[in-house]
Amino acid sequence: MVELVVTAEQAKLLAEASDSVEIVDGKGNRLGFFARRFSDREVATASLRAAAAVPGRSTAEVLERLKSLGDQ
């Protein structure tokens, strides 16, 4: 595995990120993404939702809903 050492300022930005961070080079070329870790609370919430007996929506249903919103 490759290890990349970031500056203190970069480390602070990554640590405080509330969402994924896109990593680009000096020319703006996308190099990848930094995904923050999930908190214990987020993992617990996802586990509860996955175990719930409430049926979800299919990808097709979600896409149809999104398309209908664009028509308004």
N, C-alpha and C. Protein backbone atom coordinates (compact mmCIF):
# COMPACT_ATOMS: atom_id res chain seq x y z
N MET A 1 0.85 -1.18 0.00
CA MET A 1 0.00 0.00 0.00
C MET A 1 0.90 1.24 0.00
N VAL A 2 0.48 2.24 -0.72
CA VAL A 2 1.19 3.50 -0.79
C VAL A 2 0.73 4.38 0.36
N GLU A 3 1.68 5.05 0.99
CA GLU A 3 1.35 5.99 2.06
C GLU A 3 1.65 7.39 1.59
N LEU A 4 0.70 8.29 1.75
CA LEU A 4 0.85 9.68 1.35
C LEU A 4 0.80 10.54 2.60
N VAL A 5 1.81 11.34 2.81
CA VAL A 5 1.86 12.22 3.98
C VAL A 5 1.31 13.59 3.57
N VAL A 6 0.32 14.07 4.30
CA VAL A 6 -0.28 15.36 4.00
C VAL A 6 0.21 16.40 5.01
N THR A 7 0.03 17.66 4.66
CA THR A 7 0.41 18.73 5.57
C THR A 7 -0.57 18.77 6.73
N ALA A 8 -0.23 19.49 7.77
CA ALA A 8 -1.13 19.63 8.92
C ALA A 8 -2.44 20.28 8.50
N GLU A 9 -2.37 21.25 7.62
CA GLU A 9 -3.58 21.93 7.14
C GLU A 9 -4.47 20.97 6.35
N GLN A 10 -3.85 20.17 5.49
CA GLN A 10 -4.61 19.19 4.71
C GLN A 10 -5.24 18.14 5.63
N ALA A 11 -4.49 17.69 6.62
CA ALA A 11 -5.00 16.70 7.57
C ALA A 11 -6.21 17.25 8.32
N LYS A 12 -6.15 18.52 8.69
CA LYS A 12 -7.27 19.16 9.40
C LYS A 12 -8.51 19.21 8.52
N LEU A 13 -8.34 19.57 7.25
CA LEU A 13 -9.47 19.62 6.32
C LEU A 13 -10.10 18.24 6.16
N LEU A 14 -9.27 17.21 6.03
CA LEU A 14 -9.78 15.86 5.87
C LEU A 14 -10.51 15.39 7.13
N ALA A 15 -9.93 15.69 8.28
CA ALA A 15 -10.53 15.27 9.55
C ALA A 15 -11.86 15.95 9.81
N GLU A 16 -12.01 17.18 9.35
CA GLU A 16 -13.23 17.94 9.59
C GLU A 16 -14.28 17.77 8.49
N ALA A 17 -13.94 17.04 7.43
CA ALA A 17 -14.87 16.87 6.32
C ALA A 17 -16.11 16.11 6.77
N SER A 18 -17.27 16.60 6.37
CA SER A 18 -18.52 15.93 6.72
C SER A 18 -18.98 15.02 5.59
N ASP A 19 -18.24 15.00 4.50
CA ASP A 19 -18.58 14.18 3.34
C ASP A 19 -17.28 13.72 2.70
N SER A 20 -17.37 12.98 1.62
CA SER A 20 -16.17 12.55 0.91
C SER A 20 -15.46 13.76 0.32
N VAL A 21 -14.16 13.62 0.12
CA VAL A 21 -13.35 14.71 -0.42
C VAL A 21 -12.73 14.25 -1.73
N GLU A 22 -12.87 15.04 -2.77
CA GLU A 22 -12.24 14.71 -4.04
C GLU A 22 -10.79 15.19 -3.99
N ILE A 23 -9.86 14.33 -4.41
CA ILE A 23 -8.44 14.67 -4.42
C ILE A 23 -8.04 14.95 -5.87
N VAL A 24 -7.47 16.13 -6.11
CA VAL A 24 -7.02 16.52 -7.45
C VAL A 24 -5.57 16.98 -7.39
N ASP A 25 -4.89 16.92 -8.54
CA ASP A 25 -3.52 17.41 -8.59
C ASP A 25 -3.53 18.91 -8.89
N GLY A 26 -2.35 19.50 -9.06
CA GLY A 26 -2.24 20.93 -9.29
C GLY A 26 -2.90 21.41 -10.56
N LYS A 27 -3.15 20.50 -11.50
CA LYS A 27 -3.80 20.84 -12.76
C LYS A 27 -5.30 20.58 -12.73
N GLY A 28 -5.79 20.09 -11.60
CA GLY A 28 -7.21 19.81 -11.47
C GLY A 28 -7.62 18.42 -11.91
N ASN A 29 -6.65 17.57 -12.23
CA ASN A 29 -6.96 16.20 -12.63
C ASN A 29 -7.37 15.38 -11.41
N ARG A 30 -8.49 14.69 -11.52
CA ARG A 30 -8.99 13.88 -10.42
C ARG A 30 -8.06 12.70 -10.17
N LEU A 31 -7.63 12.58 -8.91
CA LEU A 31 -6.77 11.48 -8.51
C LEU A 31 -7.53 10.41 -7.75
N GLY A 32 -8.58 10.83 -7.08
CA GLY A 32 -9.37 9.88 -6.30
C GLY A 32 -10.20 10.60 -5.26
N PHE A 33 -10.67 9.83 -4.29
CA PHE A 33 -11.52 10.38 -3.25
C PHE A 33 -11.04 9.90 -1.89
N PHE A 34 -11.25 10.74 -0.90
CA PHE A 34 -11.01 10.39 0.49
C PHE A 34 -12.38 10.23 1.12
N ALA A 35 -12.65 9.04 1.63
CA ALA A 35 -13.94 8.78 2.26
C ALA A 35 -13.74 8.73 3.76
N ARG A 36 -14.46 9.56 4.47
CA ARG A 36 -14.33 9.58 5.92
C ARG A 36 -14.92 8.30 6.49
N ARG A 37 -14.53 7.97 7.70
CA ARG A 37 -15.07 6.79 8.37
C ARG A 37 -16.46 7.09 8.88
N PHE A 38 -17.28 6.06 8.94
CA PHE A 38 -18.61 6.23 9.50
C PHE A 38 -18.52 6.23 11.02
N SER A 39 -19.33 7.05 11.64
CA SER A 39 -19.37 7.09 13.10
C SER A 39 -20.12 5.86 13.61
N ASP A 40 -19.94 5.55 14.89
CA ASP A 40 -20.67 4.44 15.49
C ASP A 40 -22.18 4.65 15.37
N ARG A 41 -22.60 5.90 15.50
CA ARG A 41 -24.03 6.21 15.39
C ARG A 41 -24.55 5.94 13.98
N GLU A 42 -23.77 6.32 12.96
CA GLU A 42 -24.18 6.08 11.58
C GLU A 42 -24.27 4.58 11.28
N VAL A 43 -23.32 3.82 11.80
CA VAL A 43 -23.34 2.37 11.61
C VAL A 43 -24.56 1.76 12.29
N ALA A 44 -24.86 2.20 13.51
CA ALA A 44 -26.02 1.69 14.23
C ALA A 44 -27.31 2.03 13.50
N THR A 45 -27.42 3.25 12.99
CA THR A 45 -28.62 3.67 12.27
C THR A 45 -28.80 2.84 11.00
N ALA A 46 -27.72 2.63 10.26
CA ALA A 46 -27.79 1.83 9.04
C ALA A 46 -28.19 0.39 9.35
N SER A 47 -27.66 -0.15 10.44
CA SER A 47 -28.00 -1.52 10.84
C SER A 47 -29.47 -1.64 11.19
N LEU A 48 -30.00 -0.65 11.91
CA LEU A 48 -31.42 -0.67 12.26
C LEU A 48 -32.30 -0.58 11.02
N ARG A 49 -31.92 0.28 10.10
CA ARG A 49 -32.71 0.44 8.87
C ARG A 49 -32.67 -0.84 8.04
N ALA A 50 -31.52 -1.48 7.97
CA ALA A 50 -31.38 -2.71 7.19
C ALA A 50 -32.22 -3.83 7.80
N ALA A 51 -32.34 -3.84 9.12
CA ALA A 51 -33.09 -4.90 9.81
C ALA A 51 -34.59 -4.63 9.84
N ALA A 52 -35.00 -3.42 9.51
CA ALA A 52 -36.43 -3.05 9.58
C ALA A 52 -37.22 -3.82 8.52
N ALA A 53 -38.45 -4.10 8.84
CA ALA A 53 -39.32 -4.84 7.93
C ALA A 53 -39.96 -3.94 6.88
N VAL A 54 -39.60 -2.66 6.88
CA VAL A 54 -40.18 -1.72 5.93
C VAL A 54 -39.52 -1.92 4.57
N PRO A 55 -40.33 -2.20 3.54
CA PRO A 55 -39.73 -2.41 2.22
C PRO A 55 -39.17 -1.10 1.66
N GLY A 56 -38.10 -1.21 0.94
CA GLY A 56 -37.49 -0.04 0.31
C GLY A 56 -38.01 0.14 -1.10
N ARG A 57 -37.42 1.05 -1.83
CA ARG A 57 -37.80 1.29 -3.22
C ARG A 57 -36.69 0.76 -4.12
N SER A 58 -37.07 0.29 -5.27
CA SER A 58 -36.08 -0.21 -6.24
C SER A 58 -35.38 0.98 -6.89
N THR A 59 -34.27 0.71 -7.53
CA THR A 59 -33.55 1.76 -8.25
C THR A 59 -34.44 2.36 -9.32
N ALA A 60 -35.19 1.51 -10.02
CA ALA A 60 -36.09 2.00 -11.07
C ALA A 60 -37.13 2.95 -10.50
N GLU A 61 -37.68 2.63 -9.32
CA GLU A 61 -38.68 3.50 -8.69
C GLU A 61 -38.07 4.84 -8.30
N VAL A 62 -36.86 4.82 -7.79
CA VAL A 62 -36.19 6.06 -7.40
C VAL A 62 -35.91 6.90 -8.63
N LEU A 63 -35.43 6.29 -9.71
CA LEU A 63 -35.14 7.03 -10.93
C LEU A 63 -36.41 7.64 -11.52
N GLU A 64 -37.50 6.90 -11.50
CA GLU A 64 -38.77 7.43 -12.00
C GLU A 64 -39.20 8.64 -11.18
N ARG A 65 -39.04 8.56 -9.88
CA ARG A 65 -39.41 9.68 -9.00
C ARG A 65 -38.56 10.91 -9.31
N LEU A 66 -37.26 10.69 -9.49
CA LEU A 66 -36.37 11.81 -9.81
C LEU A 66 -36.72 12.44 -11.16
N LYS A 67 -37.03 11.60 -12.13
CA LYS A 67 -37.43 12.11 -13.44
C LYS A 67 -38.71 12.94 -13.33
N SER A 68 -39.66 12.48 -12.52
CA SER A 68 -40.91 13.21 -12.36
C SER A 68 -40.70 14.57 -11.71
N LEU A 69 -39.71 14.67 -10.84
CA LEU A 69 -39.42 15.95 -10.20
C LEU A 69 -38.85 16.95 -11.21
N GLY A 70 -38.12 16.44 -12.20
CA GLY A 70 -37.56 17.31 -13.23
C GLY A 70 -38.61 17.86 -14.15
N ASP A 71 -39.76 17.20 -14.24
CA ASP A 71 -40.85 17.64 -15.12
C ASP A 71 -41.65 18.78 -14.54
N GLN A 72 -41.46 19.06 -13.28
CA GLN A 72 -42.30 20.06 -12.62
C GLN A 72 -41.79 21.46 -12.86
